[in-house]
Amino acid sequence: MTDFDATRAMFHLPDGMIYLDGNSLGPLPVAAADRVARTVRDEWGEMLITGWNRAGWMDMPTRLGDRIGRLIGAEPGHVVLGDTLSIKVYQALASALEMTPGKQIILSDIGNFPTDLYMAEGLARTLGDGYALKTVAPEDVAAHITEEVAVLMLTEVDYRTGRRHDMAALTAKAHAAGALAIWDLAHSAGALPVDVAGGQADFAVGCTYKYLNSGPGGPAFIYVAPRHADTARPVLSGWLGHEAPFAFDLDYRPGPGVERMRVGTPPVLQMAALEAALDVWDHAEIDDVRARSVELSELFIREVEARCPDLALASPRDPAQRGSQVSFRFPDGYAAMQALTARGVIGDFRAPDIMRFGFTPLYLQPAEVIRAAEIIEEVMAGRLWDRPEFKTRERVT
């Protein structure tokens, strides 16, 4: 059983703050600051260029990839880290389209994260000649998986509402129609049990700065199923995805397996932070985390609905149908969230009217959930959000 008091002690949590935004940016693991400092001082400082070999920098993307792989149900050796999530989406999508000749439709849903859709739109424009992105309502995805679809590209957990897709069922339907399936796990990895191997996903991608707590700008990851690992052709043929980077060949030869999905130089300092963050998972079981997440989110919904009749639940009521977040709709949601932030309750806002709250049992406790609901009640009942200073939009909401 996971000791959540012990895992909470592994994070730096500012005094007076109730942090309900780990679904957007995870807090600082206590060990990360020292780990990054040692990387800077003892490795970069003392080893300089020899650190690529002596400190194991070059192997970090695959070594840490395997640690993430255990959290998403991946086979060993089939996850690699590096670059950003947008890049990894593009890589997976371009490879999958090339592997489905004669088909040109990318199917996604209107609840997908915009960057995934932007990547798909841009790639379709580049390819031209009939390639197109088709988006439908999340609940209608299954009905639109037809023979014309080349690739099904979905985010398992909707970033706004927390609505959860059935990976195994939709992937099976895609395969039956001759399509490949790409899953974005940005709001799944580290939040709930994922089984990319059992669910037969062809590709999966995700970021590490949310529930995996690698810090702002942390590297993304990509999973390639073993059946595709040596045949998927990376459209971004980066130096470090080459079979022999230091042969300095002028012609590109893809590296073995998922190594070919490496592109640029690994972000060593950010990976050092991620390594420290992943150490927390040596003390936690994902099934325990999921069970506690459901308890906390159910408690939050009960408390908020009893106290705040002006807020309408936007997330699925059935916890099995949502990820590790709860969203409420309110016409002045941005201002209300700013008022909450001023009182130490940190969530975030997603246009047009979503107040979003994340639940991360590694550091969040039931008493904080109840106190957060009390503060939300104070803000709503007293219309404390209805002030000019809370209505001025910042660049990040």
Protein backbone atom coordinates (compact mmCIF):
# COMPACT_ATOMS: atom_id res chain seq x y z
CA MET A 1 0.00 0.00 0.00
CA THR A 2 1.21 3.47 -0.83
CA ASP A 3 1.95 5.74 2.14
CA PHE A 4 0.61 9.08 0.89
CA ASP A 5 1.94 10.95 3.91
CA ALA A 6 5.41 9.74 2.94
CA THR A 7 5.03 10.72 -0.71
CA ARG A 8 3.69 14.15 0.27
CA ALA A 9 6.90 14.77 2.19
CA MET A 10 8.81 14.26 -1.07
CA PHE A 11 7.40 17.47 -2.56
CA HIS A 12 7.98 21.13 -1.83
CA LEU A 13 4.55 22.67 -1.22
CA PRO A 14 4.40 26.40 -0.39
CA ASP A 15 2.83 27.27 2.96
CA GLY A 16 -0.76 28.46 2.76
CA MET A 17 -1.37 27.00 -0.70
CA ILE A 18 -3.79 24.25 -1.69
CA TYR A 19 -2.43 23.03 -5.01
CA LEU A 20 -5.07 21.66 -7.37
CA ASP A 21 -3.18 22.23 -10.60
CA GLY A 22 -0.81 19.28 -10.85
CA ASN A 23 -2.68 18.33 -14.02
CA SER A 24 -1.06 21.40 -15.60
CA LEU A 25 2.30 21.65 -13.79
CA GLY A 26 3.42 19.29 -11.07
CA PRO A 27 5.12 20.76 -7.97
CA LEU A 28 8.83 20.54 -7.26
CA PRO A 29 10.04 17.18 -5.91
CA VAL A 30 12.31 17.97 -2.95
CA ALA A 31 15.10 15.82 -4.38
CA ALA A 32 15.01 17.50 -7.79
CA ALA A 33 16.76 20.70 -6.76
CA ASP A 34 19.78 18.83 -5.41
CA ARG A 35 19.77 16.39 -8.34
CA VAL A 36 19.87 19.23 -10.87
CA ALA A 37 22.49 21.06 -8.81
CA ARG A 38 24.71 17.96 -8.78
CA THR A 39 24.28 17.57 -12.52
CA VAL A 40 25.35 21.18 -13.02
CA ARG A 41 28.19 21.14 -10.50
CA ASP A 42 29.63 17.63 -10.60
CA GLU A 43 28.78 16.54 -14.12
CA TRP A 44 28.65 19.60 -16.39
CA GLY A 45 31.09 21.51 -14.17
CA GLU A 46 33.72 18.82 -13.65
CA MET A 47 33.21 16.46 -16.58
CA LEU A 48 32.31 18.92 -19.33
CA ILE A 49 31.98 17.07 -22.66
CA THR A 50 33.03 13.75 -21.10
CA GLY A 51 29.73 13.76 -19.20
CA TRP A 52 27.97 12.34 -22.24
CA ASN A 53 29.77 9.07 -21.55
CA ARG A 54 30.92 9.26 -17.92
CA ALA A 55 27.63 10.57 -16.49
CA GLY A 56 25.44 8.58 -18.87
CA TRP A 57 23.78 11.59 -20.46
CA MET A 58 23.46 9.94 -23.86
CA ASP A 59 21.54 7.00 -22.41
CA MET A 60 19.10 9.07 -20.35
CA PRO A 61 16.31 9.21 -22.98
CA THR A 62 15.97 5.43 -23.14
CA ARG A 63 16.81 4.73 -19.50
CA LEU A 64 14.17 7.16 -18.26
CA GLY A 65 11.89 6.04 -21.07
CA ASP A 66 11.79 2.59 -19.55
CA ARG A 67 10.86 4.05 -16.16
CA ILE A 68 7.94 5.89 -17.74
CA GLY A 69 7.14 2.78 -19.74
CA ARG A 70 6.38 0.92 -16.52
CA LEU A 71 3.74 3.55 -15.70
CA ILE A 72 2.00 3.29 -19.07
CA GLY A 73 2.12 -0.47 -19.58
CA ALA A 74 4.77 -0.38 -22.30
CA GLU A 75 7.12 -3.21 -23.21
CA PRO A 76 10.73 -2.55 -22.11
CA GLY A 77 12.78 -0.69 -24.67
CA HIS A 78 9.90 0.92 -26.49
CA VAL A 79 9.69 4.40 -24.93
CA VAL A 80 12.17 7.21 -25.55
CA LEU A 81 12.30 10.78 -24.22
CA GLY A 82 13.20 14.10 -25.78
CA ASP A 83 11.89 17.19 -27.53
CA THR A 84 8.37 18.51 -26.88
CA LEU A 85 4.97 16.87 -26.99
CA SER A 86 4.10 18.73 -30.20
CA ILE A 87 7.18 17.21 -31.87
CA LYS A 88 6.30 13.74 -30.66
CA VAL A 89 2.72 14.07 -31.92
CA TYR A 90 4.06 15.10 -35.32
CA GLN A 91 6.51 12.21 -35.41
CA ALA A 92 3.89 9.61 -34.52
CA LEU A 93 1.32 10.99 -36.92
CA ALA A 94 3.68 11.28 -39.89
CA SER A 95 4.94 7.73 -39.36
CA ALA A 96 1.43 6.33 -38.98
CA LEU A 97 0.17 8.04 -42.14
CA GLU A 98 3.05 6.62 -44.15
CA MET A 99 2.19 3.17 -42.80
CA THR A 100 -1.42 3.38 -44.04
CA PRO A 101 -1.03 4.02 -47.79
CA GLY A 102 -4.18 4.81 -49.75
CA LYS A 103 -5.89 6.43 -46.76
CA GLN A 104 -5.82 10.14 -46.00
CA ILE A 105 -8.15 10.91 -43.10
CA ILE A 106 -6.91 11.68 -39.59
CA LEU A 107 -9.79 11.24 -37.15
CA SER A 108 -9.81 13.09 -33.83
CA ASP A 109 -12.33 14.82 -31.59
CA ILE A 110 -13.16 18.42 -30.76
CA GLY A 111 -12.07 17.85 -27.17
CA ASN A 112 -8.50 17.03 -28.19
CA PHE A 113 -5.78 19.41 -27.07
CA PRO A 114 -5.33 22.14 -29.70
CA THR A 115 -1.63 21.47 -30.32
CA ASP A 116 -2.44 17.92 -31.44
CA LEU A 117 -5.00 19.26 -33.89
CA TYR A 118 -2.63 22.00 -35.07
CA MET A 119 0.06 19.42 -35.78
CA ALA A 120 -2.42 17.30 -37.72
CA GLU A 121 -3.72 20.27 -39.71
CA GLY A 122 -0.21 21.41 -40.57
CA LEU A 123 0.91 17.95 -41.64
CA ALA A 124 -2.22 17.48 -43.76
CA ARG A 125 -1.52 20.81 -45.50
CA THR A 126 2.06 19.78 -46.15
CA LEU A 127 1.04 16.43 -47.61
CA GLY A 128 -1.83 17.94 -49.61
CA ASP A 129 -3.59 15.81 -52.22
CA GLY A 130 -6.64 14.89 -50.13
CA TYR A 131 -5.10 14.55 -46.67
CA ALA A 132 -7.40 16.01 -44.05
CA LEU A 133 -8.16 16.17 -40.36
CA LYS A 134 -11.70 15.23 -39.36
CA THR A 135 -12.95 16.14 -35.88
CA VAL A 136 -16.16 14.95 -34.26
CA ALA A 137 -17.74 15.12 -30.81
CA PRO A 138 -15.92 12.86 -28.33
CA GLU A 139 -18.95 10.65 -27.85
CA ASP A 140 -19.26 10.17 -31.62
CA VAL A 141 -15.73 8.98 -32.33
CA ALA A 142 -16.55 5.28 -32.54
CA ALA A 143 -19.29 5.85 -35.11
CA HIS A 144 -16.87 7.70 -37.39
CA ILE A 145 -14.13 5.05 -37.47
CA THR A 146 -14.70 3.95 -41.06
CA GLU A 147 -12.62 2.35 -43.80
CA GLU A 148 -11.49 5.78 -45.05
CA VAL A 149 -9.71 6.61 -41.77
CA ALA A 150 -5.93 6.25 -41.84
CA VAL A 151 -5.14 7.25 -38.27
CA LEU A 152 -7.17 7.63 -35.11
CA MET A 153 -5.50 10.31 -32.97
CA LEU A 154 -6.98 10.91 -29.53
CA THR A 155 -6.05 12.20 -26.10
CA GLU A 156 -7.13 9.58 -23.59
CA VAL A 157 -8.27 12.16 -21.00
CA ASP A 158 -9.88 15.40 -22.23
CA TYR A 159 -7.83 18.35 -20.96
CA ARG A 160 -10.93 20.46 -20.27
CA THR A 161 -13.52 18.14 -18.79
CA GLY A 162 -11.49 15.08 -17.82
CA ARG A 163 -13.69 12.83 -19.99
CA ARG A 164 -11.90 9.54 -20.62
CA HIS A 165 -11.84 7.54 -23.85
CA ASP A 166 -11.76 3.73 -23.86
CA MET A 167 -8.33 3.10 -25.37
CA ALA A 168 -8.69 -0.64 -25.92
CA ALA A 169 -12.16 -0.50 -27.47
CA LEU A 170 -11.47 2.40 -29.82
CA THR A 171 -8.09 1.01 -30.85
CA ALA A 172 -9.66 -2.35 -31.66
CA LYS A 173 -12.29 -0.63 -33.77
CA ALA A 174 -9.60 1.37 -35.58
CA HIS A 175 -7.59 -1.77 -36.32
CA ALA A 176 -10.69 -3.53 -37.62
CA ALA A 177 -11.13 -0.66 -40.08
CA GLY A 178 -7.48 -0.83 -41.18
CA ALA A 179 -6.41 2.30 -39.28
CA LEU A 180 -3.63 2.89 -36.75
CA ALA A 181 -4.17 4.46 -33.33
CA ILE A 182 -2.14 7.20 -31.65
CA TRP A 183 -2.85 8.06 -28.02
CA ASP A 184 -1.83 11.25 -26.22
CA LEU A 185 -1.26 10.40 -22.55
CA ALA A 186 -0.56 13.94 -21.29
CA HIS A 187 -3.37 13.69 -18.73
CA SER A 188 -3.02 9.95 -18.12
CA ALA A 189 0.62 9.11 -17.39
CA GLY A 190 1.12 9.18 -13.64
CA ALA A 191 -2.58 9.82 -13.00
CA LEU A 192 -4.23 6.48 -13.73
CA PRO A 193 -3.30 2.98 -14.87
CA VAL A 194 -2.49 2.91 -18.59
CA ASP A 195 -1.86 -0.21 -20.66
CA VAL A 196 -0.58 0.72 -24.11
CA ALA A 197 0.59 -2.84 -24.77
CA GLY A 198 -2.62 -4.51 -23.63
CA GLY A 199 -4.67 -1.86 -25.40
CA GLN A 200 -2.73 -2.50 -28.63
CA ALA A 201 -1.87 1.17 -29.16
CA ASP A 202 0.33 1.68 -32.20
CA PHE A 203 1.91 4.88 -30.90
CA ALA A 204 1.55 6.86 -27.69
CA VAL A 205 2.97 10.22 -26.67
CA GLY A 206 2.92 12.34 -23.54
CA CYS A 207 4.55 15.06 -21.51
CA THR A 208 6.33 14.75 -18.16
CA TYR A 209 5.69 18.09 -16.45
CA LYS A 210 2.16 17.33 -15.27
CA TYR A 211 1.62 14.23 -13.14
CA LEU A 212 5.26 13.14 -13.60
CA ASN A 213 6.59 16.39 -12.09
CA SER A 214 9.66 17.04 -14.26
CA GLY A 215 9.24 20.82 -14.12
CA PRO A 216 8.24 23.48 -16.65
CA GLY A 217 9.35 22.54 -20.15
CA GLY A 218 10.15 18.94 -19.19
CA PRO A 219 10.78 16.54 -22.08
CA ALA A 220 8.08 14.55 -23.82
CA PHE A 221 8.04 10.83 -24.54
CA ILE A 222 6.98 8.60 -27.41
CA TYR A 223 6.01 4.93 -27.42
CA VAL A 224 6.20 2.80 -30.55
CA ALA A 225 4.65 -0.67 -30.42
CA PRO A 226 7.17 -3.50 -30.97
CA ARG A 227 5.43 -4.55 -34.19
CA HIS A 228 6.25 -1.13 -35.69
CA ALA A 229 9.51 -0.27 -33.96
CA ASP A 230 11.84 -1.34 -36.77
CA THR A 231 9.62 -0.28 -39.67
CA ALA A 232 8.17 3.10 -38.64
CA ARG A 233 10.10 5.74 -40.58
CA PRO A 234 10.75 8.96 -38.64
CA VAL A 235 9.84 12.00 -40.71
CA LEU A 236 12.09 14.11 -38.48
CA SER A 237 15.36 12.41 -39.24
CA GLY A 238 17.46 13.90 -36.47
CA TRP A 239 21.13 13.29 -35.85
CA LEU A 240 20.53 11.33 -32.65
CA GLY A 241 17.96 9.12 -34.34
CA HIS A 242 20.63 7.93 -36.75
CA GLU A 243 21.92 4.37 -36.52
CA ALA A 244 25.45 5.65 -35.84
CA PRO A 245 25.42 9.39 -35.01
CA PHE A 246 29.15 9.64 -34.57
CA ALA A 247 29.91 8.03 -37.91
CA PHE A 248 28.81 11.40 -39.33
CA ASP A 249 27.37 9.83 -42.46
CA LEU A 250 25.83 12.22 -44.94
CA ASP A 251 22.94 9.82 -45.52
CA TYR A 252 20.36 9.04 -42.83
CA ARG A 253 19.91 5.48 -41.58
CA PRO A 254 17.28 5.07 -38.86
CA GLY A 255 18.47 3.73 -35.54
CA PRO A 256 17.19 0.46 -34.08
CA GLY A 257 13.69 0.37 -32.67
CA VAL A 258 12.41 3.37 -30.76
CA GLU A 259 15.89 4.95 -30.84
CA ARG A 260 15.03 6.22 -34.31
CA MET A 261 12.46 8.54 -32.71
CA ARG A 262 15.20 10.58 -31.08
CA VAL A 263 15.69 13.91 -32.81
CA GLY A 264 17.82 16.53 -31.08
CA THR A 265 20.24 16.76 -28.17
CA PRO A 266 18.67 15.49 -24.93
CA PRO A 267 17.80 18.20 -22.37
CA VAL A 268 20.12 16.85 -19.69
CA LEU A 269 19.27 19.28 -16.88
CA GLN A 270 15.54 18.76 -17.35
CA MET A 271 16.04 14.99 -17.45
CA ALA A 272 17.94 15.17 -14.19
CA ALA A 273 14.87 16.77 -12.61
CA LEU A 274 12.67 14.08 -14.15
CA GLU A 275 14.91 11.35 -12.79
CA ALA A 276 14.46 12.68 -9.27
CA ALA A 277 10.72 12.99 -9.82
CA LEU A 278 10.44 9.40 -11.01
CA ASP A 279 12.15 8.24 -7.82
CA VAL A 280 8.90 9.10 -6.03
CA TRP A 281 7.27 6.26 -7.96
CA ASP A 282 9.57 3.81 -6.21
CA HIS A 283 7.29 4.45 -3.21
CA ALA A 284 3.91 4.53 -4.96
CA GLU A 285 1.67 2.13 -6.82
CA ILE A 286 -0.39 3.51 -9.68
CA ASP A 287 -3.48 1.51 -8.67
CA ASP A 288 -3.32 3.06 -5.18
CA VAL A 289 -2.91 6.50 -6.72
CA ARG A 290 -5.95 5.98 -8.91
CA ALA A 291 -8.11 4.73 -6.03
CA ARG A 292 -7.17 7.71 -3.85
CA SER A 293 -7.70 10.08 -6.78
CA VAL A 294 -11.26 8.85 -7.15
CA GLU A 295 -11.86 9.30 -3.42
CA LEU A 296 -10.53 12.86 -3.46
CA SER A 297 -12.38 13.92 -6.59
CA GLU A 298 -15.66 12.42 -5.40
CA LEU A 299 -15.27 14.23 -2.09
CA PHE A 300 -14.60 17.48 -3.95
CA ILE A 301 -17.67 17.15 -6.16
CA ARG A 302 -19.93 16.45 -3.18
CA GLU A 303 -18.58 19.39 -1.20
CA VAL A 304 -18.65 21.90 -4.06
CA GLU A 305 -22.11 20.93 -5.31
CA ALA A 306 -23.52 21.19 -1.78
CA ARG A 307 -21.99 24.63 -1.28
CA CYS A 308 -21.97 26.29 -4.71
CA PRO A 309 -25.20 25.96 -6.73
CA ASP A 310 -23.90 28.42 -9.35
CA LEU A 311 -21.22 25.96 -10.48
CA ALA A 312 -22.24 23.26 -12.96
CA LEU A 313 -20.27 20.03 -13.16
CA ALA A 314 -18.59 19.74 -16.58
CA SER A 315 -16.81 16.46 -15.91
CA PRO A 316 -18.44 13.04 -16.19
CA ARG A 317 -20.18 12.17 -12.95
CA ASP A 318 -19.05 8.54 -13.13
CA PRO A 319 -15.43 8.49 -11.90
CA ALA A 320 -14.66 5.56 -14.22
CA GLN A 321 -15.37 7.90 -17.13
CA ARG A 322 -12.97 10.67 -16.11
CA GLY A 323 -9.29 11.16 -15.38
CA SER A 324 -7.80 12.77 -12.30
CA GLN A 325 -9.41 16.18 -12.63
CA VAL A 326 -12.78 17.81 -12.02
CA SER A 327 -14.12 20.74 -13.99
CA PHE A 328 -17.00 23.09 -13.28
CA ARG A 329 -18.63 25.58 -15.62
CA PHE A 330 -19.26 29.18 -14.57
CA PRO A 331 -19.76 32.15 -16.91
CA ASP A 332 -17.21 34.22 -14.98
CA GLY A 333 -14.90 31.27 -14.40
CA TYR A 334 -11.72 33.19 -15.15
CA ALA A 335 -12.40 35.85 -12.55
CA ALA A 336 -13.54 33.26 -10.02
CA MET A 337 -10.34 31.28 -10.50
CA GLN A 338 -8.26 34.44 -10.04
CA ALA A 339 -10.10 35.14 -6.81
CA LEU A 340 -9.40 31.60 -5.62
CA THR A 341 -5.73 31.93 -6.52
CA ALA A 342 -5.55 35.11 -4.43
CA ARG A 343 -6.82 33.03 -1.50
CA GLY A 344 -4.34 30.20 -1.98
CA VAL A 345 -6.46 27.69 -3.90
CA ILE A 346 -4.63 27.03 -7.16
CA GLY A 347 -6.54 25.61 -10.10
CA ASP A 348 -6.76 26.98 -13.62
CA PHE A 349 -9.20 28.21 -16.26
CA ARG A 350 -9.90 26.87 -19.74
CA ALA A 351 -11.96 28.90 -22.17
CA PRO A 352 -14.74 29.58 -22.48
CA ASP A 353 -16.04 28.84 -18.99
CA ILE A 354 -14.17 25.92 -17.40
CA MET A 355 -12.78 26.06 -13.85
CA ARG A 356 -10.40 23.11 -13.69
CA PHE A 357 -9.06 21.33 -10.59
CA GLY A 358 -6.54 18.48 -10.53
CA PHE A 359 -6.22 15.73 -7.91
CA THR A 360 -2.80 14.25 -7.29
CA PRO A 361 -2.79 11.94 -4.25
CA LEU A 362 1.02 11.91 -4.09
CA TYR A 363 0.77 15.23 -2.25
CA LEU A 364 -2.92 16.18 -1.87
CA GLN A 365 -4.83 15.28 1.28
CA PRO A 366 -8.58 15.02 2.05
CA ALA A 367 -8.52 17.91 4.53
CA GLU A 368 -7.16 20.18 1.80
CA VAL A 369 -9.98 19.16 -0.51
CA ILE A 370 -12.59 20.13 2.07
CA ARG A 371 -10.84 23.40 2.84
CA ALA A 372 -10.66 24.21 -0.86
CA ALA A 373 -14.41 23.68 -1.17
CA GLU A 374 -14.97 26.02 1.78
CA ILE A 375 -12.91 28.75 0.11
CA ILE A 376 -14.72 28.24 -3.19
CA GLU A 377 -17.99 28.69 -1.31
CA GLU A 378 -16.72 31.95 0.22
CA VAL A 379 -15.70 33.28 -3.19
CA MET A 380 -18.96 32.31 -4.88
CA ALA A 381 -21.42 33.21 -2.14
CA GLY A 382 -19.77 36.58 -1.53
CA ARG A 383 -19.24 37.32 -5.24
CA LEU A 384 -15.64 38.01 -4.33
CA TRP A 385 -14.66 37.31 -7.93
CA ASP A 386 -16.61 40.37 -9.16
CA ARG A 387 -13.71 42.78 -8.95
CA PRO A 388 -11.78 44.49 -11.76
CA GLU A 389 -8.41 43.05 -10.72
CA PHE A 390 -9.71 39.51 -11.22
CA LYS A 391 -11.08 40.13 -14.71
CA THR A 392 -7.87 41.24 -16.40
CA ARG A 393 -6.65 38.30 -18.48
CA GLU A 394 -3.06 37.20 -18.01
CA ARG A 395 -1.20 35.46 -20.86
CA VAL A 396 -1.45 32.12 -19.03
CA THR A 397 -4.85 31.23 -17.64
